[in-house]
Amino acid sequence: MTQFMRAIASRVVPLIRTHTVCQRASIYTRPPKEKIGPKETCIAMSMFFLAILGPSGWVLAHLEDYKKRE
């Protein structure tokens, strides 16, 4: 059985490898066009905080309501 699998693998693997797409990342770095101030940074961080932790905080705050079976 193992010889059969090796025979199939030796024929299938080269076919699979020839169709792979080589992706190249083209990253260009430059200085920013506009400087971001501390106010914009605080606003952005608070929005991320609310977007990520807000729903989980809501669920934890209302956990007792979710436990009730009505």
PDB file of N, CA and C in Angstrom:
ATOM      1  N   MET A   1       0.819  -1.183   0.000  1.00  0.00           N
ATOM      2  CA  MET A   1       0.000   0.000   0.000  1.00  0.00           C
ATOM      3  C   MET A   1       0.867   1.252   0.000  1.00  0.00           C
ATOM      4  N   THR A   2       1.963   1.232   0.741  1.00  0.00           N
ATOM      5  CA  THR A   2       2.806   2.425   0.794  1.00  0.00           C
ATOM      6  C   THR A   2       3.492   2.679  -0.544  1.00  0.00           C
ATOM      7  N   GLN A   3       3.836   1.607  -1.272  1.00  0.00           N
ATOM      8  CA  GLN A   3       4.453   1.804  -2.583  1.00  0.00           C
ATOM      9  C   GLN A   3       3.458   2.430  -3.550  1.00  0.00           C
ATOM     10  N   PHE A   4       2.191   2.042  -3.431  1.00  0.00           N
ATOM     11  CA  PHE A   4       1.154   2.610  -4.269  1.00  0.00           C
ATOM     12  C   PHE A   4       1.005   4.107  -3.996  1.00  0.00           C
ATOM     13  N   MET A   5       1.004   4.477  -2.711  1.00  0.00           N
ATOM     14  CA  MET A   5       0.881   5.891  -2.341  1.00  0.00           C
ATOM     15  C   MET A   5       2.094   6.690  -2.799  1.00  0.00           C
ATOM     16  N   ARG A   6       3.279   6.104  -2.697  1.00  0.00           N
ATOM     17  CA  ARG A   6       4.478   6.788  -3.166  1.00  0.00           C
ATOM     18  C   ARG A   6       4.450   6.988  -4.666  1.00  0.00           C
ATOM     19  N   ALA A   7       3.953   6.009  -5.398  1.00  0.00           N
ATOM     20  CA  ALA A   7       3.874   6.132  -6.852  1.00  0.00           C
ATOM     21  C   ALA A   7       2.906   7.243  -7.251  1.00  0.00           C
ATOM     22  N   ILE A   8       1.781   7.314  -6.565  1.00  0.00           N
ATOM     23  CA  ILE A   8       0.810   8.367  -6.870  1.00  0.00           C
ATOM     24  C   ILE A   8       1.375   9.730  -6.469  1.00  0.00           C
ATOM     25  N   ALA A   9       1.987   9.793  -5.302  1.00  0.00           N
ATOM     26  CA  ALA A   9       2.534  11.061  -4.823  1.00  0.00           C
ATOM     27  C   ALA A   9       3.656  11.558  -5.719  1.00  0.00           C
ATOM     28  N   SER A  10       4.456  10.663  -6.249  1.00  0.00           N
ATOM     29  CA  SER A  10       5.557  11.089  -7.100  1.00  0.00           C
ATOM     30  C   SER A  10       5.052  11.667  -8.422  1.00  0.00           C
ATOM     31  N   ARG A  11       3.842  11.319  -8.818  1.00  0.00           N
ATOM     32  CA  ARG A  11       3.283  11.864 -10.057  1.00  0.00           C
ATOM     33  C   ARG A  11       2.404  13.087  -9.809  1.00  0.00           C
ATOM     34  N   VAL A  12       1.769  13.149  -8.667  1.00  0.00           N
ATOM     35  CA  VAL A  12       0.832  14.231  -8.386  1.00  0.00           C
ATOM     36  C   VAL A  12       1.542  15.475  -7.859  1.00  0.00           C
ATOM     37  N   VAL A  13       2.525  15.308  -7.016  1.00  0.00           N
ATOM     38  CA  VAL A  13       3.185  16.438  -6.377  1.00  0.00           C
ATOM     39  C   VAL A  13       3.804  17.397  -7.393  1.00  0.00           C
ATOM     40  N   PRO A  14       4.514  16.944  -8.416  1.00  0.00           N
ATOM     41  CA  PRO A  14       5.050  17.914  -9.389  1.00  0.00           C
ATOM     42  C   PRO A  14       3.956  18.688 -10.113  1.00  0.00           C
ATOM     43  N   LEU A  15       2.808  18.065 -10.346  1.00  0.00           N
ATOM     44  CA  LEU A  15       1.715  18.776 -11.001  1.00  0.00           C
ATOM     45  C   LEU A  15       1.161  19.876 -10.113  1.00  0.00           C
ATOM     46  N   ILE A  16       1.077  19.601  -8.835  1.00  0.00           N
ATOM     47  CA  ILE A  16       0.561  20.598  -7.902  1.00  0.00           C
ATOM     48  C   ILE A  16       1.548  21.755  -7.760  1.00  0.00           C
ATOM     49  N   ARG A  17       2.813  21.463  -7.722  1.00  0.00           N
ATOM     50  CA  ARG A  17       3.817  22.503  -7.523  1.00  0.00           C
ATOM     51  C   ARG A  17       3.961  23.425  -8.726  1.00  0.00           C
ATOM     52  N   THR A  18       3.662  22.959  -9.920  1.00  0.00           N
ATOM     53  CA  THR A  18       3.823  23.810 -11.095  1.00  0.00           C
ATOM     54  C   THR A  18       2.749  24.877 -11.178  1.00  0.00           C
ATOM     55  N   HIS A  19       1.611  24.687 -10.522  1.00  0.00           N
ATOM     56  CA  HIS A  19       0.518  25.635 -10.624  1.00  0.00           C
ATOM     57  C   HIS A  19       0.462  26.616  -9.463  1.00  0.00           C
ATOM     58  N   THR A  20       1.467  26.628  -8.629  1.00  0.00           N
ATOM     59  CA  THR A  20       1.455  27.569  -7.514  1.00  0.00           C
ATOM     60  C   THR A  20       1.791  28.963  -8.018  1.00  0.00           C
ATOM     61  N   VAL A  21       1.181  29.943  -7.379  1.00  0.00           N
ATOM     62  CA  VAL A  21       1.396  31.333  -7.757  1.00  0.00           C
ATOM     63  C   VAL A  21       2.395  31.938  -6.789  1.00  0.00           C
ATOM     64  N   CYS A  22       3.403  32.544  -7.330  1.00  0.00           N
ATOM     65  CA  CYS A  22       4.414  33.188  -6.499  1.00  0.00           C
ATOM     66  C   CYS A  22       3.998  34.639  -6.294  1.00  0.00           C
ATOM     67  N   GLN A  23       3.681  34.988  -5.061  1.00  0.00           N
ATOM     68  CA  GLN A  23       3.276  36.351  -4.765  1.00  0.00           C
ATOM     69  C   GLN A  23       4.468  37.115  -4.204  1.00  0.00           C
ATOM     70  N   ARG A  24       4.625  38.295  -4.711  1.00  0.00           N
ATOM     71  CA  ARG A  24       5.706  39.136  -4.229  1.00  0.00           C
ATOM     72  C   ARG A  24       5.112  40.391  -3.613  1.00  0.00           C
ATOM     73  N   ALA A  25       5.583  40.710  -2.466  1.00  0.00           N
ATOM     74  CA  ALA A  25       5.091  41.907  -1.801  1.00  0.00           C
ATOM     75  C   ALA A  25       5.904  43.100  -2.267  1.00  0.00           C
ATOM     76  N   SER A  26       5.206  44.124  -2.684  1.00  0.00           N
ATOM     77  CA  SER A  26       5.885  45.353  -3.076  1.00  0.00           C
ATOM     78  C   SER A  26       5.531  46.422  -2.059  1.00  0.00           C
ATOM     79  N   ILE A  27       6.430  46.632  -1.133  1.00  0.00           N
ATOM     80  CA  ILE A  27       6.206  47.586  -0.059  1.00  0.00           C
ATOM     81  C   ILE A  27       7.142  48.774  -0.278  1.00  0.00           C
ATOM     82  N   TYR A  28       6.538  49.918  -0.393  1.00  0.00           N
ATOM     83  CA  TYR A  28       7.310  51.137  -0.551  1.00  0.00           C
ATOM     84  C   TYR A  28       7.066  52.000   0.675  1.00  0.00           C
ATOM     85  N   THR A  29       8.133  52.412   1.303  1.00  0.00           N
ATOM     86  CA  THR A  29       7.975  53.238   2.498  1.00  0.00           C
ATOM     87  C   THR A  29       8.423  54.650   2.174  1.00  0.00           C
ATOM     88  N   ARG A  30       7.642  55.580   2.659  1.00  0.00           N
ATOM     89  CA  ARG A  30       7.954  56.993   2.502  1.00  0.00           C
ATOM     90  C   ARG A  30       7.598  57.696   3.805  1.00  0.00           C
ATOM     91  N   PRO A  31       8.097  58.884   3.984  1.00  0.00           N
ATOM     92  CA  PRO A  31       7.641  59.650   5.144  1.00  0.00           C
ATOM     93  C   PRO A  31       6.162  59.997   4.973  1.00  0.00           C
ATOM     94  N   PRO A  32       5.426  60.141   6.061  1.00  0.00           N
ATOM     95  CA  PRO A  32       4.004  60.449   5.940  1.00  0.00           C
ATOM     96  C   PRO A  32       3.783  61.827   5.326  1.00  0.00           C
ATOM     97  N   LYS A  33       2.677  61.957   4.582  1.00  0.00           N
ATOM     98  CA  LYS A  33       2.349  63.247   3.977  1.00  0.00           C
ATOM     99  C   LYS A  33       1.951  64.252   5.046  1.00  0.00           C
ATOM    100  N   GLU A  34       1.174  63.789   6.030  1.00  0.00           N
ATOM    101  CA  GLU A  34       0.755  64.650   7.123  1.00  0.00           C
ATOM    102  C   GLU A  34       1.103  63.974   8.443  1.00  0.00           C
ATOM    103  N   LYS A  35       1.558  64.775   9.385  1.00  0.00           N
ATOM    104  CA  LYS A  35       1.865  64.221  10.695  1.00  0.00           C
ATOM    105  C   LYS A  35       0.572  64.009  11.470  1.00  0.00           C
ATOM    106  N   ILE A  36       0.512  62.898  12.213  1.00  0.00           N
ATOM    107  CA  ILE A  36      -0.653  62.591  13.034  1.00  0.00           C
ATOM    108  C   ILE A  36      -0.361  63.067  14.451  1.00  0.00           C
ATOM    109  N   GLY A  37      -1.248  63.901  14.955  1.00  0.00           N
ATOM    110  CA  GLY A  37      -1.051  64.489  16.278  1.00  0.00           C
ATOM    111  C   GLY A  37      -1.527  63.580  17.391  1.00  0.00           C
ATOM    112  N   PRO A  38      -1.300  64.001  18.616  1.00  0.00           N
ATOM    113  CA  PRO A  38      -1.720  63.179  19.760  1.00  0.00           C
ATOM    114  C   PRO A  38      -3.237  63.074  19.888  1.00  0.00           C
ATOM    115  N   LYS A  39      -3.973  64.108  19.470  1.00  0.00           N
ATOM    116  CA  LYS A  39      -5.433  64.047  19.547  1.00  0.00           C
ATOM    117  C   LYS A  39      -5.979  62.964  18.620  1.00  0.00           C
ATOM    118  N   GLU A  40      -5.490  62.938  17.387  1.00  0.00           N
ATOM    119  CA  GLU A  40      -5.954  61.917  16.443  1.00  0.00           C
ATOM    120  C   GLU A  40      -5.566  60.526  16.910  1.00  0.00           C
ATOM    121  N   THR A  41      -4.384  60.403  17.521  1.00  0.00           N
ATOM    122  CA  THR A  41      -3.939  59.106  18.024  1.00  0.00           C
ATOM    123  C   THR A  41      -4.842  58.633  19.155  1.00  0.00           C
ATOM    124  N   CYS A  42      -5.190  59.518  20.077  1.00  0.00           N
ATOM    125  CA  CYS A  42      -6.068  59.144  21.191  1.00  0.00           C
ATOM    126  C   CYS A  42      -7.459  58.769  20.694  1.00  0.00           C
ATOM    127  N   ILE A  43      -7.969  59.510  19.731  1.00  0.00           N
ATOM    128  CA  ILE A  43      -9.290  59.197  19.181  1.00  0.00           C
ATOM    129  C   ILE A  43      -9.268  57.838  18.496  1.00  0.00           C
ATOM    130  N   ALA A  44      -8.243  57.573  17.701  1.00  0.00           N
ATOM    131  CA  ALA A  44      -8.149  56.290  16.996  1.00  0.00           C
ATOM    132  C   ALA A  44      -8.015  55.128  17.976  1.00  0.00           C
ATOM    133  N   MET A  45      -7.186  55.299  19.007  1.00  0.00           N
ATOM    134  CA  MET A  45      -7.004  54.230  19.987  1.00  0.00           C
ATOM    135  C   MET A  45      -8.295  53.967  20.758  1.00  0.00           C
ATOM    136  N   SER A  46      -9.028  55.019  21.110  1.00  0.00           N
ATOM    137  CA  SER A  46     -10.285  54.809  21.828  1.00  0.00           C
ATOM    138  C   SER A  46     -11.326  54.142  20.937  1.00  0.00           C
ATOM    139  N   MET A  47     -11.342  54.445  19.645  1.00  0.00           N
ATOM    140  CA  MET A  47     -12.287  53.790  18.734  1.00  0.00           C
ATOM    141  C   MET A  47     -11.940  52.302  18.595  1.00  0.00           C
ATOM    142  N   PHE A  48     -10.665  51.974  18.507  1.00  0.00           N
ATOM    143  CA  PHE A  48     -10.269  50.568  18.463  1.00  0.00           C
ATOM    144  C   PHE A  48     -10.657  49.865  19.759  1.00  0.00           C
ATOM    145  N   PHE A  49     -10.442  50.537  20.879  1.00  0.00           N
ATOM    146  CA  PHE A  49     -10.792  49.981  22.176  1.00  0.00           C
ATOM    147  C   PHE A  49     -12.281  49.667  22.248  1.00  0.00           C
ATOM    148  N   LEU A  50     -13.115  50.623  21.827  1.00  0.00           N
ATOM    149  CA  LEU A  50     -14.559  50.411  21.854  1.00  0.00           C
ATOM    150  C   LEU A  50     -15.000  49.325  20.878  1.00  0.00           C
ATOM    151  N   ALA A  51     -14.392  49.286  19.708  1.00  0.00           N
ATOM    152  CA  ALA A  51     -14.796  48.302  18.701  1.00  0.00           C
ATOM    153  C   ALA A  51     -14.437  46.881  19.116  1.00  0.00           C
ATOM    154  N   ILE A  52     -13.328  46.725  19.808  1.00  0.00           N
ATOM    155  CA  ILE A  52     -12.884  45.378  20.176  1.00  0.00           C
ATOM    156  C   ILE A  52     -13.459  44.950  21.521  1.00  0.00           C
ATOM    157  N   LEU A  53     -13.371  45.817  22.518  1.00  0.00           N
ATOM    158  CA  LEU A  53     -13.778  45.432  23.872  1.00  0.00           C
ATOM    159  C   LEU A  53     -15.217  45.798  24.208  1.00  0.00           C
ATOM    160  N   GLY A  54     -15.853  46.641  23.424  1.00  0.00           N
ATOM    161  CA  GLY A  54     -17.225  47.041  23.695  1.00  0.00           C
ATOM    162  C   GLY A  54     -18.215  45.894  23.671  1.00  0.00           C
ATOM    163  N   PRO A  55     -18.273  45.102  22.593  1.00  0.00           N
ATOM    164  CA  PRO A  55     -19.229  43.985  22.564  1.00  0.00           C
ATOM    165  C   PRO A  55     -18.989  42.940  23.651  1.00  0.00           C
ATOM    166  N   SER A  56     -17.733  42.633  23.930  1.00  0.00           N
ATOM    167  CA  SER A  56     -17.472  41.646  24.983  1.00  0.00           C
ATOM    168  C   SER A  56     -17.846  42.201  26.356  1.00  0.00           C
ATOM    169  N   GLY A  57     -17.657  43.488  26.573  1.00  0.00           N
ATOM    170  CA  GLY A  57     -18.081  44.101  27.831  1.00  0.00           C
ATOM    171  C   GLY A  57     -19.591  44.097  27.975  1.00  0.00           C
ATOM    172  N   TRP A  58     -20.294  44.308  26.867  1.00  0.00           N
ATOM    173  CA  TRP A  58     -21.763  44.270  26.893  1.00  0.00           C
ATOM    174  C   TRP A  58     -22.247  42.870  27.290  1.00  0.00           C
ATOM    175  N   VAL A  59     -21.657  41.856  26.703  1.00  0.00           N
ATOM    176  CA  VAL A  59     -22.065  40.483  27.013  1.00  0.00           C
ATOM    177  C   VAL A  59     -21.770  40.162  28.470  1.00  0.00           C
ATOM    178  N   LEU A  60     -20.595  40.535  28.948  1.00  0.00           N
ATOM    179  CA  LEU A  60     -20.259  40.259  30.348  1.00  0.00           C
ATOM    180  C   LEU A  60     -21.152  41.036  31.310  1.00  0.00           C
ATOM    181  N   ALA A  61     -21.553  42.248  30.950  1.00  0.00           N
ATOM    182  CA  ALA A  61     -22.413  43.037  31.821  1.00  0.00           C
ATOM    183  C   ALA A  61     -23.824  42.451  31.886  1.00  0.00           C
ATOM    184  N   HIS A  62     -24.274  41.814  30.821  1.00  0.00           N
ATOM    185  CA  HIS A  62     -25.627  41.263  30.765  1.00  0.00           C
ATOM    186  C   HIS A  62     -25.638  39.738  30.847  1.00  0.00           C
ATOM    187  N   LEU A  63     -24.617  39.176  31.453  1.00  0.00           N
ATOM    188  CA  LEU A  63     -24.486  37.728  31.519  1.00  0.00           C
ATOM    189  C   LEU A  63     -25.634  37.090  32.306  1.00  0.00           C
ATOM    190  N   GLU A  64     -26.065  37.717  33.360  1.00  0.00           N
ATOM    191  CA  GLU A  64     -27.166  37.164  34.159  1.00  0.00           C
ATOM    192  C   GLU A  64     -28.463  37.143  33.355  1.00  0.00           C
ATOM    193  N   ASP A  65     -28.675  38.142  32.507  1.00  0.00           N
ATOM    194  CA  ASP A  65     -29.875  38.153  31.658  1.00  0.00           C
ATOM    195  C   ASP A  65     -29.848  37.008  30.659  1.00  0.00           C
ATOM    196  N   TYR A  66     -28.659  36.694  30.150  1.00  0.00           N
ATOM    197  CA  TYR A  66     -28.547  35.614  29.171  1.00  0.00           C
ATOM    198  C   TYR A  66     -28.725  34.237  29.819  1.00  0.00           C
ATOM    199  N   LYS A  67     -28.434  34.146  31.132  1.00  0.00           N
ATOM    200  CA  LYS A  67     -28.576  32.860  31.817  1.00  0.00           C
ATOM    201  C   LYS A  67     -30.024  32.493  32.077  1.00  0.00           C
ATOM    202  N   LYS A  68     -30.884  33.488  32.152  1.00  0.00           N
ATOM    203  CA  LYS A  68     -32.309  33.239  32.431  1.00  0.00           C
ATOM    204  C   LYS A  68     -32.961  32.551  31.244  1.00  0.00           C
ATOM    205  N   ARG A  69     -33.784  31.548  31.551  1.00  0.00           N
ATOM    206  CA  ARG A  69     -34.561  30.879  30.509  1.00  0.00           C
ATOM    207  C   ARG A  69     -36.007  31.316  30.642  1.00  0.00           C
ATOM    208  N   GLU A  70     -36.509  31.929  29.621  1.00  0.00           N
ATOM    209  CA  GLU A  70     -37.890  32.404  29.674  1.00  0.00           C
ATOM    210  C   GLU A  70     -38.750  31.645  28.702  1.00  0.00           C
TER     211      GLU A  70
END
